[in-house]
Amino acid sequence: MQKIILVMRQELQDLINEKSDLLHPEVIAASQKLDQALNNYNDILKELKK
């Protein structure tokens, strides 16, 4: 999961550099996907700590 998140972060950064606009729909969509992946990862970590 960590590797997936790292790849998603790099893809988001590349997209930001390509579009040069944080409000571009593709950038927003990629950011939202990364947010969801991070939330899922955080939920998994919380469950493991129980």
PDB file of N, CA and C in Angstrom:
ATOM      1  N   MET A   1       0.833  -1.201   0.000  1.00  0.00           N
ATOM      2  CA  MET A   1       0.000   0.000   0.000  1.00  0.00           C
ATOM      3  C   MET A   1       0.872   1.258   0.000  1.00  0.00           C
ATOM      4  N   GLN A   2       1.968   1.205   0.746  1.00  0.00           N
ATOM      5  CA  GLN A   2       2.857   2.373   0.795  1.00  0.00           C
ATOM      6  C   GLN A   2       3.438   2.685  -0.576  1.00  0.00           C
ATOM      7  N   LYS A   3       3.791   1.644  -1.320  1.00  0.00           N
ATOM      8  CA  LYS A   3       4.354   1.867  -2.655  1.00  0.00           C
ATOM      9  C   LYS A   3       3.313   2.489  -3.584  1.00  0.00           C
ATOM     10  N   ILE A   4       2.077   2.032  -3.456  1.00  0.00           N
ATOM     11  CA  ILE A   4       1.000   2.588  -4.278  1.00  0.00           C
ATOM     12  C   ILE A   4       0.837   4.075  -3.978  1.00  0.00           C
ATOM     13  N   ILE A   5       0.862   4.423  -2.692  1.00  0.00           N
ATOM     14  CA  ILE A   5       0.718   5.825  -2.294  1.00  0.00           C
ATOM     15  C   ILE A   5       1.882   6.654  -2.823  1.00  0.00           C
ATOM     16  N   LEU A   6       3.083   6.118  -2.751  1.00  0.00           N
ATOM     17  CA  LEU A   6       4.243   6.851  -3.276  1.00  0.00           C
ATOM     18  C   LEU A   6       4.107   7.098  -4.777  1.00  0.00           C
ATOM     19  N   VAL A   7       3.642   6.093  -5.501  1.00  0.00           N
ATOM     20  CA  VAL A   7       3.440   6.240  -6.951  1.00  0.00           C
ATOM     21  C   VAL A   7       2.357   7.277  -7.227  1.00  0.00           C
ATOM     22  N   MET A   8       1.271   7.215  -6.468  1.00  0.00           N
ATOM     23  CA  MET A   8       0.181   8.179  -6.660  1.00  0.00           C
ATOM     24  C   MET A   8       0.647   9.598  -6.364  1.00  0.00           C
ATOM     25  N   ARG A   9       1.471   9.764  -5.341  1.00  0.00           N
ATOM     26  CA  ARG A   9       2.007  11.096  -5.019  1.00  0.00           C
ATOM     27  C   ARG A   9       2.867  11.622  -6.160  1.00  0.00           C
ATOM     28  N   GLN A  10       3.714  10.754  -6.702  1.00  0.00           N
ATOM     29  CA  GLN A  10       4.580  11.184  -7.801  1.00  0.00           C
ATOM     30  C   GLN A  10       3.758  11.524  -9.039  1.00  0.00           C
ATOM     31  N   GLU A  11       2.740  10.711  -9.316  1.00  0.00           N
ATOM     32  CA  GLU A  11       1.877  10.992 -10.463  1.00  0.00           C
ATOM     33  C   GLU A  11       1.148  12.322 -10.285  1.00  0.00           C
ATOM     34  N   LEU A  12       0.702  12.600  -9.062  1.00  0.00           N
ATOM     35  CA  LEU A  12       0.039  13.875  -8.789  1.00  0.00           C
ATOM     36  C   LEU A  12       1.013  15.027  -9.005  1.00  0.00           C
ATOM     37  N   GLN A  13       2.229  14.889  -8.499  1.00  0.00           N
ATOM     38  CA  GLN A  13       3.221  15.949  -8.666  1.00  0.00           C
ATOM     39  C   GLN A  13       3.534  16.177 -10.146  1.00  0.00           C
ATOM     40  N   ASP A  14       3.672  15.092 -10.889  1.00  0.00           N
ATOM     41  CA  ASP A  14       3.928  15.209 -12.331  1.00  0.00           C
ATOM     42  C   ASP A  14       2.772  15.917 -13.039  1.00  0.00           C
ATOM     43  N   LEU A  15       1.561  15.580 -12.649  1.00  0.00           N
ATOM     44  CA  LEU A  15       0.380  16.201 -13.250  1.00  0.00           C
ATOM     45  C   LEU A  15       0.314  17.687 -12.919  1.00  0.00           C
ATOM     46  N   ILE A  16       0.636  18.036 -11.681  1.00  0.00           N
ATOM     47  CA  ILE A  16       0.672  19.450 -11.286  1.00  0.00           C
ATOM     48  C   ILE A  16       1.699  20.199 -12.130  1.00  0.00           C
ATOM     49  N   ASN A  17       2.862  19.605 -12.310  1.00  0.00           N
ATOM     50  CA  ASN A  17       3.905  20.243 -13.119  1.00  0.00           C
ATOM     51  C   ASN A  17       3.467  20.382 -14.578  1.00  0.00           C
ATOM     52  N   GLU A  18       2.774  19.375 -15.079  1.00  0.00           N
ATOM     53  CA  GLU A  18       2.323  19.392 -16.474  1.00  0.00           C
ATOM     54  C   GLU A  18       1.227  20.434 -16.699  1.00  0.00           C
ATOM     55  N   LYS A  19       0.264  20.472 -15.806  1.00  0.00           N
ATOM     56  CA  LYS A  19      -0.893  21.354 -15.988  1.00  0.00           C
ATOM     57  C   LYS A  19      -0.650  22.766 -15.472  1.00  0.00           C
ATOM     58  N   SER A  20       0.279  22.925 -14.550  1.00  0.00           N
ATOM     59  CA  SER A  20       0.596  24.234 -13.947  1.00  0.00           C
ATOM     60  C   SER A  20      -0.644  24.929 -13.388  1.00  0.00           C
ATOM     61  N   ASP A  21      -1.581  24.121 -12.905  1.00  0.00           N
ATOM     62  CA  ASP A  21      -2.826  24.678 -12.372  1.00  0.00           C
ATOM     63  C   ASP A  21      -3.391  23.701 -11.347  1.00  0.00           C
ATOM     64  N   LEU A  22      -3.355  24.097 -10.074  1.00  0.00           N
ATOM     65  CA  LEU A  22      -3.852  23.223  -9.015  1.00  0.00           C
ATOM     66  C   LEU A  22      -5.356  22.996  -9.102  1.00  0.00           C
ATOM     67  N   LEU A  23      -6.051  23.845  -9.844  1.00  0.00           N
ATOM     68  CA  LEU A  23      -7.500  23.715  -9.962  1.00  0.00           C
ATOM     69  C   LEU A  23      -7.937  23.003 -11.244  1.00  0.00           C
ATOM     70  N   HIS A  24      -6.968  22.491 -11.999  1.00  0.00           N
ATOM     71  CA  HIS A  24      -7.308  21.739 -13.206  1.00  0.00           C
ATOM     72  C   HIS A  24      -8.079  20.481 -12.784  1.00  0.00           C
ATOM     73  N   PRO A  25      -9.143  20.138 -13.506  1.00  0.00           N
ATOM     74  CA  PRO A  25      -9.963  18.979 -13.117  1.00  0.00           C
ATOM     75  C   PRO A  25      -9.181  17.670 -12.954  1.00  0.00           C
ATOM     76  N   GLU A  26      -8.174  17.447 -13.795  1.00  0.00           N
ATOM     77  CA  GLU A  26      -7.378  16.222 -13.677  1.00  0.00           C
ATOM     78  C   GLU A  26      -6.543  16.228 -12.398  1.00  0.00           C
ATOM     79  N   VAL A  27      -6.025  17.388 -12.024  1.00  0.00           N
ATOM     80  CA  VAL A  27      -5.239  17.514 -10.794  1.00  0.00           C
ATOM     81  C   VAL A  27      -6.141  17.277  -9.585  1.00  0.00           C
ATOM     82  N   ILE A  28      -7.310  17.865  -9.609  1.00  0.00           N
ATOM     83  CA  ILE A  28      -8.252  17.688  -8.499  1.00  0.00           C
ATOM     84  C   ILE A  28      -8.647  16.218  -8.367  1.00  0.00           C
ATOM     85  N   ALA A  29      -8.928  15.566  -9.478  1.00  0.00           N
ATOM     86  CA  ALA A  29      -9.319  14.153  -9.447  1.00  0.00           C
ATOM     87  C   ALA A  29      -8.194  13.284  -8.892  1.00  0.00           C
ATOM     88  N   ALA A  30      -6.968  13.530  -9.332  1.00  0.00           N
ATOM     89  CA  ALA A  30      -5.827  12.755  -8.841  1.00  0.00           C
ATOM     90  C   ALA A  30      -5.606  13.006  -7.355  1.00  0.00           C
ATOM     91  N   SER A  31      -5.782  14.235  -6.934  1.00  0.00           N
ATOM     92  CA  SER A  31      -5.630  14.581  -5.523  1.00  0.00           C
ATOM     93  C   SER A  31      -6.684  13.877  -4.672  1.00  0.00           C
ATOM     94  N   GLN A  32      -7.900  13.831  -5.163  1.00  0.00           N
ATOM     95  CA  GLN A  32      -8.973  13.164  -4.427  1.00  0.00           C
ATOM     96  C   GLN A  32      -8.728  11.661  -4.327  1.00  0.00           C
ATOM     97  N   LYS A  33      -8.202  11.060  -5.389  1.00  0.00           N
ATOM     98  CA  LYS A  33      -7.872   9.630  -5.350  1.00  0.00           C
ATOM     99  C   LYS A  33      -6.765   9.361  -4.333  1.00  0.00           C
ATOM    100  N   LEU A  34      -5.765  10.233  -4.304  1.00  0.00           N
ATOM    101  CA  LEU A  34      -4.687  10.089  -3.328  1.00  0.00           C
ATOM    102  C   LEU A  34      -5.229  10.254  -1.916  1.00  0.00           C
ATOM    103  N   ASP A  35      -6.079  11.233  -1.710  1.00  0.00           N
ATOM    104  CA  ASP A  35      -6.694  11.433  -0.392  1.00  0.00           C
ATOM    105  C   ASP A  35      -7.423  10.176   0.064  1.00  0.00           C
ATOM    106  N   GLN A  36      -8.176   9.571  -0.831  1.00  0.00           N
ATOM    107  CA  GLN A  36      -8.925   8.362  -0.476  1.00  0.00           C
ATOM    108  C   GLN A  36      -7.974   7.218  -0.127  1.00  0.00           C
ATOM    109  N   ALA A  37      -6.907   7.070  -0.896  1.00  0.00           N
ATOM    110  CA  ALA A  37      -5.928   6.022  -0.611  1.00  0.00           C
ATOM    111  C   ALA A  37      -5.269   6.252   0.747  1.00  0.00           C
ATOM    112  N   LEU A  38      -4.944   7.503   1.049  1.00  0.00           N
ATOM    113  CA  LEU A  38      -4.343   7.822   2.349  1.00  0.00           C
ATOM    114  C   LEU A  38      -5.322   7.551   3.490  1.00  0.00           C
ATOM    115  N   ASN A  39      -6.579   7.886   3.288  1.00  0.00           N
ATOM    116  CA  ASN A  39      -7.594   7.609   4.306  1.00  0.00           C
ATOM    117  C   ASN A  39      -7.745   6.106   4.534  1.00  0.00           C
ATOM    118  N   ASN A  40      -7.763   5.337   3.458  1.00  0.00           N
ATOM    119  CA  ASN A  40      -7.857   3.883   3.578  1.00  0.00           C
ATOM    120  C   ASN A  40      -6.653   3.319   4.318  1.00  0.00           C
ATOM    121  N   TYR A  41      -5.484   3.795   3.977  1.00  0.00           N
ATOM    122  CA  TYR A  41      -4.252   3.340   4.629  1.00  0.00           C
ATOM    123  C   TYR A  41      -4.285   3.673   6.117  1.00  0.00           C
ATOM    124  N   ASN A  42      -4.724   4.872   6.445  1.00  0.00           N
ATOM    125  CA  ASN A  42      -4.829   5.286   7.839  1.00  0.00           C
ATOM    126  C   ASN A  42      -5.826   4.404   8.595  1.00  0.00           C
ATOM    127  N   ASP A  43      -6.940   4.075   7.963  1.00  0.00           N
ATOM    128  CA  ASP A  43      -7.931   3.188   8.583  1.00  0.00           C
ATOM    129  C   ASP A  43      -7.334   1.809   8.865  1.00  0.00           C
ATOM    130  N   ILE A  44      -6.555   1.303   7.928  1.00  0.00           N
ATOM    131  CA  ILE A  44      -5.903   0.004   8.114  1.00  0.00           C
ATOM    132  C   ILE A  44      -4.949   0.061   9.303  1.00  0.00           C
ATOM    133  N   LEU A  45      -4.159   1.117   9.389  1.00  0.00           N
ATOM    134  CA  LEU A  45      -3.219   1.254  10.503  1.00  0.00           C
ATOM    135  C   LEU A  45      -3.947   1.329  11.838  1.00  0.00           C
ATOM    136  N   LYS A  46      -5.056   2.044  11.870  1.00  0.00           N
ATOM    137  CA  LYS A  46      -5.844   2.146  13.104  1.00  0.00           C
ATOM    138  C   LYS A  46      -6.354   0.779  13.536  1.00  0.00           C
ATOM    139  N   GLU A  47      -6.824  -0.015  12.574  1.00  0.00           N
ATOM    140  CA  GLU A  47      -7.338  -1.349  12.888  1.00  0.00           C
ATOM    141  C   GLU A  47      -6.233  -2.259  13.416  1.00  0.00           C
ATOM    142  N   LEU A  48      -5.048  -2.130  12.866  1.00  0.00           N
ATOM    143  CA  LEU A  48      -3.934  -2.973  13.299  1.00  0.00           C
ATOM    144  C   LEU A  48      -3.475  -2.635  14.712  1.00  0.00           C
ATOM    145  N   LYS A  49      -3.686  -1.406  15.135  1.00  0.00           N
ATOM    146  CA  LYS A  49      -3.256  -0.976  16.466  1.00  0.00           C
ATOM    147  C   LYS A  49      -4.228  -1.401  17.559  1.00  0.00           C
ATOM    148  N   LYS A  50      -5.401  -1.876  17.168  1.00  0.00           N
ATOM    149  CA  LYS A  50      -6.400  -2.276  18.169  1.00  0.00           C
ATOM    150  C   LYS A  50      -6.035  -3.583  18.828  1.00  0.00           C
TER     151      LYS A  50
END
